C-alpha atoms as a PDB file:
ATOM      1  CA  MET A   1     -48.824 -21.380  64.634  1.00  0.00           C
ATOM      2  CA  GLN A   2     -46.691 -24.049  66.273  1.00  0.00           C
ATOM      3  CA  TRP A   3     -48.803 -26.284  68.508  1.00  0.00           C
ATOM      4  CA  ASN A   4     -45.868 -27.293  70.691  1.00  0.00           C
ATOM      5  CA  ARG A   5     -45.292 -23.644  71.638  1.00  0.00           C
ATOM      6  CA  LEU A   6     -48.937 -23.208  72.544  1.00  0.00           C
ATOM      7  CA  PHE A   7     -48.943 -26.164  74.928  1.00  0.00           C
ATOM      8  CA  ARG A   8     -45.289 -26.482  75.980  1.00  0.00           C
ATOM      9  CA  ASN A   9     -45.754 -25.173  79.535  1.00  0.00           C
ATOM     10  CA  LYS A  10     -49.003 -27.014  80.137  1.00  0.00           C
ATOM     11  CA  ALA A  11     -47.595 -30.506  80.612  1.00  0.00           C
ATOM     12  CA  PRO A  12     -49.538 -32.498  83.204  1.00  0.00           C
ATOM     13  CA  GLY A  13     -47.664 -33.213  86.406  1.00  0.00           C
ATOM     14  CA  THR A  14     -45.383 -30.215  86.128  1.00  0.00           C
ATOM     15  CA  ASP A  15     -45.331 -27.299  88.503  1.00  0.00           C
ATOM     16  CA  ILE A  16     -43.202 -24.198  88.766  1.00  0.00           C
ATOM     17  CA  TRP A  17     -40.536 -24.492  91.427  1.00  0.00           C
ATOM     18  CA  ALA A  18     -38.199 -21.997  93.056  1.00  0.00           C
ATOM     19  CA  ALA A  19     -34.780 -23.220  94.146  1.00  0.00           C
ATOM     20  CA  LEU A  20     -32.405 -21.300  96.377  1.00  0.00           C
ATOM     21  CA  CYS A  21     -28.963 -22.358  95.174  1.00  0.00           C
ATOM     22  CA  GLU A  22     -25.260 -21.649  95.285  1.00  0.00           C
ATOM     23  CA  ALA A  23     -22.943 -22.085  92.317  1.00  0.00           C
ATOM     24  CA  ARG A  24     -19.554 -20.984  90.977  1.00  0.00           C
ATOM     25  CA  ALA A  25     -19.351 -18.637  88.008  1.00  0.00           C
ATOM     26  CA  ASP A  26     -17.452 -20.141  85.079  1.00  0.00           C
ATOM     27  CA  GLY A  27     -16.259 -16.752  83.801  1.00  0.00           C
ATOM     28  CA  SER A  28     -18.459 -16.651  80.698  1.00  0.00           C
ATOM     29  CA  ASP A  29     -20.308 -13.612  82.102  1.00  0.00           C
ATOM     30  CA  PRO A  30     -17.923 -10.737  82.892  1.00  0.00           C
ATOM     31  CA  ALA A  31     -20.305  -9.501  85.608  1.00  0.00           C
ATOM     32  CA  HIS A  32     -19.436 -12.540  87.747  1.00  0.00           C
ATOM     33  CA  GLN A  33     -15.830 -13.362  88.560  1.00  0.00           C
ATOM     34  CA  SER A  34     -14.747 -16.839  87.480  1.00  0.00           C
ATOM     35  CA  GLY A  35     -14.535 -19.379  90.310  1.00  0.00           C
ATOM     36  CA  VAL A  36     -16.424 -17.204  92.772  1.00  0.00           C
ATOM     37  CA  ARG A  37     -19.491 -18.692  94.461  1.00  0.00           C
ATOM     38  CA  TYR A  38     -22.796 -16.757  94.321  1.00  0.00           C
ATOM     39  CA  PRO A  39     -26.250 -17.248  95.799  1.00  0.00           C
ATOM     40  CA  LEU A  40     -28.905 -17.761  93.114  1.00  0.00           C
ATOM     41  CA  LEU A  41     -32.647 -18.058  92.817  1.00  0.00           C
ATOM     42  CA  VAL A  42     -33.673 -20.439  90.036  1.00  0.00           C
ATOM     43  CA  MET A  43     -37.221 -21.034  88.790  1.00  0.00           C
ATOM     44  CA  VAL A  44     -38.087 -23.946  86.515  1.00  0.00           C
ATOM     45  CA  ARG A  45     -41.156 -25.874  85.388  1.00  0.00           C
ATOM     46  CA  SER A  46     -40.704 -29.509  86.297  1.00  0.00           C
ATOM     47  CA  SER A  47     -42.120 -32.632  87.852  1.00  0.00           C
ATOM     48  CA  LYS A  48     -40.697 -33.299  91.302  1.00  0.00           C
ATOM     49  CA  ASP A  49     -38.719 -36.302  89.982  1.00  0.00           C
ATOM     50  CA  GLU A  50     -36.835 -34.219  87.390  1.00  0.00           C
ATOM     51  CA  LEU A  51     -36.530 -31.024  89.413  1.00  0.00           C
ATOM     52  CA  GLU A  52     -32.905 -31.119  90.540  1.00  0.00           C
ATOM     53  CA  GLY A  53     -31.708 -32.183  87.092  1.00  0.00           C
ATOM     54  CA  LYS A  54     -33.551 -29.295  85.424  1.00  0.00           C
ATOM     55  CA  VAL A  55     -32.136 -26.779  87.903  1.00  0.00           C
ATOM     56  CA  PHE A  56     -28.594 -28.079  87.350  1.00  0.00           C
ATOM     57  CA  SER A  57     -29.019 -28.126  83.568  1.00  0.00           C
ATOM     58  CA  LEU A  58     -30.279 -24.531  83.472  1.00  0.00           C
ATOM     59  CA  LEU A  59     -27.413 -23.340  85.670  1.00  0.00           C
ATOM     60  CA  LYS A  60     -24.828 -25.129  83.514  1.00  0.00           C
ATOM     61  CA  THR A  61     -26.331 -23.632  80.353  1.00  0.00           C
ATOM     62  CA  TYR A  62     -25.923 -20.127  81.768  1.00  0.00           C
ATOM     63  CA  GLY A  63     -22.362 -20.483  83.030  1.00  0.00           C
ATOM     64  CA  TRP A  64     -22.651 -21.853  86.552  1.00  0.00           C
ATOM     65  CA  GLN A  65     -20.619 -24.772  87.945  1.00  0.00           C
ATOM     66  CA  GLU A  66     -20.738 -26.903  91.097  1.00  0.00           C
ATOM     67  CA  PRO A  67     -24.372 -26.078  91.892  1.00  0.00           C
ATOM     68  CA  GLN A  68     -25.877 -26.865  95.265  1.00  0.00           C
ATOM     69  CA  VAL A  69     -29.594 -26.665  95.957  1.00  0.00           C
ATOM     70  CA  LYS A  70     -30.206 -25.292  99.444  1.00  0.00           C
ATOM     71  CA  ARG A  71     -34.013 -25.046  99.423  1.00  0.00           C
ATOM     72  CA  LEU A  72     -36.913 -25.920  97.132  1.00  0.00           C
ATOM     73  CA  LYS A  73     -40.440 -24.578  97.100  1.00  0.00           C
ATOM     74  CA  LYS A  74     -43.395 -24.961  94.765  1.00  0.00           C
ATOM     75  CA  VAL A  75     -44.449 -21.554  93.408  1.00  0.00           C
ATOM     76  CA  ALA A  76     -48.073 -20.628  94.091  1.00  0.00           C
ATOM     77  CA  GLN A  77     -50.239 -20.029  91.033  1.00  0.00           C
ATOM     78  CA  PRO A  78     -51.146 -17.487  89.876  1.00  0.00           C
ATOM     79  CA  PHE A  79     -47.806 -15.892  90.688  1.00  0.00           C
ATOM     80  CA  HIS A  80     -47.419 -12.230  91.486  1.00  0.00           C
ATOM     81  CA  SER A  81     -44.572 -10.353  93.126  1.00  0.00           C
ATOM     82  CA  ASP A  82     -43.923  -6.679  93.716  1.00  0.00           C
ATOM     83  CA  ASP A  83     -40.220  -7.480  93.307  1.00  0.00           C
ATOM     84  CA  SER A  84     -39.369  -6.855  89.643  1.00  0.00           C
ATOM     85  CA  MET A  85     -36.471  -9.354  89.679  1.00  0.00           C
ATOM     86  CA  MET A  86     -38.697 -12.123  91.046  1.00  0.00           C
ATOM     87  CA  GLN A  87     -41.331 -11.316  88.438  1.00  0.00           C
ATOM     88  CA  ALA A  88     -38.685 -11.393  85.674  1.00  0.00           C
ATOM     89  CA  CYS A  89     -37.447 -14.764  86.941  1.00  0.00           C
ATOM     90  CA  TYR A  90     -40.991 -16.127  86.773  1.00  0.00           C
ATOM     91  CA  GLU A  91     -41.445 -14.716  83.264  1.00  0.00           C
ATOM     92  CA  GLY A  92     -38.293 -16.632  82.292  1.00  0.00           C
ATOM     93  CA  VAL A  93     -40.099 -19.845  83.207  1.00  0.00           C
ATOM     94  CA  MET A  94     -43.159 -18.880  81.215  1.00  0.00           C
ATOM     95  CA  GLN A  95     -41.241 -17.791  78.096  1.00  0.00           C
ATOM     96  CA  ARG A  96     -38.136 -19.998  78.134  1.00  0.00           C
ATOM     97  CA  ASP A  97     -36.658 -22.914  80.053  1.00  0.00           C
ATOM     98  CA  GLY A  98     -36.438 -21.054  83.339  1.00  0.00           C
ATOM     99  CA  GLY A  99     -35.261 -17.972  85.138  1.00  0.00           C
ATOM    100  CA  ILE A 100     -32.227 -17.143  87.258  1.00  0.00           C
ATOM    101  CA  VAL A 101     -31.627 -14.294  89.687  1.00  0.00           C
ATOM    102  CA  VAL A 102     -28.000 -13.796  90.729  1.00  0.00           C
ATOM    103  CA  TYR A 103     -27.594 -12.051  94.057  1.00  0.00           C
ATOM    104  CA  SER A 104     -24.796  -9.505  93.833  1.00  0.00           C
ATOM    105  CA  ASP A 105     -22.793 -10.385  96.937  1.00  0.00           C
ATOM    106  CA  PRO A 106     -20.573 -13.440  96.439  1.00  0.00           C
ATOM    107  CA  ILE A 107     -20.315 -16.125  99.102  1.00  0.00           C
ATOM    108  CA  GLU A 108     -17.050 -16.213 101.034  1.00  0.00           C
ATOM    109  CA  ASP A 109     -15.281 -19.584 100.781  1.00  0.00           C
ATOM    110  CA  ASP A 110     -14.211 -21.046 104.111  1.00  0.00           C
END
């Protein structure tokens, strides 16, 4: 057993956060047209000081550019949602670096 895997999400001073964001697709995912802006929900485990950087890093890793955080909220523990997408996003935090939900309707550019 790897000890770092057992304790990796238990770091003191870190909470799970939800961020309502907007970002442009970079075209790496054919489901999202390149250059088009989408609303996103991002969940990450982070201290408050590193929060925005972790959100931006996760979005960049998964093909999102020019991110903007619109709202932040600490996720209540234990977490439960009847919404399967929200629950999957939370599971992404527990099993990996974080979770992202992409809302299907793109944002119109002004």
